[in-house]
Amino acid sequence: MCFPRKPGLGRYNASRHEWLLAYRTARVNAATGAKPDPKTDGVFWKAQLIVCYERTDLGDKLLHTASQRLAMIKLTNDVLKEIQNENM
């Protein structure tokens, strides 16, 4: 493939079952360190992009509750403030 595939391509109107299957597959692939495969299509491609690039820093919304994600954000912000204070 000469050019990398654009994230906006594909057909995303799918049933809930198809989305859940796509996310489950994407999480398994991401856990093994695999990058999104541009040969996949539709919801499987979109799920790979979301899991690989949009859910890495704040936790997977399918695995963590909102309160757990908020606690992770607060902890991350506290650590960053401490690092910034030490560097000044």
Protein backbone atom coordinates (compact mmCIF):
# COMPACT_ATOMS: atom_id res chain seq x y z
CA MET A 1 0.00 0.00 0.00
CA CYS A 2 1.57 3.28 -1.09
CA PHE A 3 -0.34 5.58 1.23
CA PRO A 4 -1.50 4.91 4.78
CA ARG A 5 -5.23 4.59 5.11
CA LYS A 6 -7.16 7.60 6.39
CA PRO A 7 -9.01 7.11 9.69
CA GLY A 8 -12.24 8.49 8.26
CA LEU A 9 -12.74 5.74 5.69
CA GLY A 10 -15.12 2.86 6.17
CA ARG A 11 -18.71 2.01 7.00
CA TYR A 12 -19.55 2.56 10.65
CA ASN A 13 -23.29 1.99 10.84
CA ALA A 14 -23.37 -1.45 12.42
CA SER A 15 -25.32 -3.30 15.07
CA ARG A 16 -24.36 -3.22 18.74
CA HIS A 17 -23.19 -6.82 18.49
CA GLU A 18 -20.82 -5.94 15.63
CA TRP A 19 -19.39 -2.97 17.57
CA LEU A 20 -18.84 -5.05 20.72
CA LEU A 21 -17.14 -7.77 18.71
CA ALA A 22 -14.96 -5.18 16.97
CA TYR A 23 -13.93 -3.55 20.27
CA ARG A 24 -13.20 -6.90 21.89
CA THR A 25 -11.03 -7.90 18.94
CA ALA A 26 -9.27 -4.53 18.93
CA ARG A 27 -8.52 -4.72 22.68
CA VAL A 28 -7.05 -8.20 22.28
CA ASN A 29 -4.89 -7.04 19.37
CA ALA A 30 -3.77 -3.91 21.24
CA ALA A 31 -2.83 -5.99 24.28
CA THR A 32 -0.43 -7.98 22.11
CA GLY A 33 1.13 -4.77 20.81
CA ALA A 34 -0.35 -4.98 17.33
CA LYS A 35 -0.95 -1.72 15.47
CA PRO A 36 -4.20 -1.09 13.55
CA ASP A 37 -4.33 -3.10 10.34
CA PRO A 38 -5.22 -0.86 7.36
CA LYS A 39 -6.49 -3.90 5.47
CA THR A 40 -9.49 -4.23 7.79
CA ASP A 41 -12.67 -2.35 6.98
CA GLY A 42 -15.70 -0.76 8.61
CA VAL A 43 -16.27 -0.97 12.34
CA PHE A 44 -13.28 -3.24 12.90
CA TRP A 45 -10.96 -0.56 11.47
CA LYS A 46 -12.61 2.22 13.49
CA ALA A 47 -12.49 0.16 16.70
CA GLN A 48 -8.78 -0.52 16.19
CA LEU A 49 -8.09 3.19 15.79
CA ILE A 50 -10.12 4.14 18.86
CA VAL A 51 -8.56 1.51 21.11
CA CYS A 52 -5.02 2.08 19.87
CA TYR A 53 -4.90 5.88 19.73
CA GLU A 54 -7.78 7.43 21.67
CA ARG A 55 -7.94 5.29 24.80
CA THR A 56 -4.34 4.89 25.78
CA ASP A 57 -3.79 7.87 28.07
CA LEU A 58 -7.06 8.04 30.00
CA GLY A 59 -7.88 4.37 30.26
CA ASP A 60 -10.22 2.22 28.25
CA LYS A 61 -13.78 3.44 28.78
CA LEU A 62 -15.04 -0.10 28.36
CA LEU A 63 -12.87 -1.43 31.19
CA HIS A 64 -12.78 1.42 33.72
CA THR A 65 -15.66 3.24 35.39
CA ALA A 66 -15.96 7.01 35.21
CA SER A 67 -14.81 7.39 38.82
CA GLN A 68 -11.71 5.27 38.14
CA ARG A 69 -10.86 7.35 35.06
CA LEU A 70 -11.35 10.57 37.03
CA ALA A 71 -9.04 9.27 39.75
CA MET A 72 -6.41 8.41 37.10
CA ILE A 73 -6.66 11.90 35.62
CA LYS A 74 -6.31 13.54 39.05
CA LEU A 75 -3.34 11.36 39.93
CA THR A 76 -1.67 12.11 36.60
CA ASN A 77 -2.21 15.85 37.06
CA ASP A 78 -0.76 15.70 40.60
CA VAL A 79 2.34 13.89 39.39
CA LEU A 80 2.82 16.37 36.54
CA LYS A 81 2.51 19.31 38.96
CA GLU A 82 5.14 17.76 41.25
CA ILE A 83 7.50 17.27 38.32
CA GLN A 84 6.97 20.84 37.14
CA ASN A 85 7.59 22.18 40.66
CA GLU A 86 10.84 20.21 40.93
CA ASN A 87 12.06 21.56 37.59
CA MET A 88 11.51 25.20 38.57
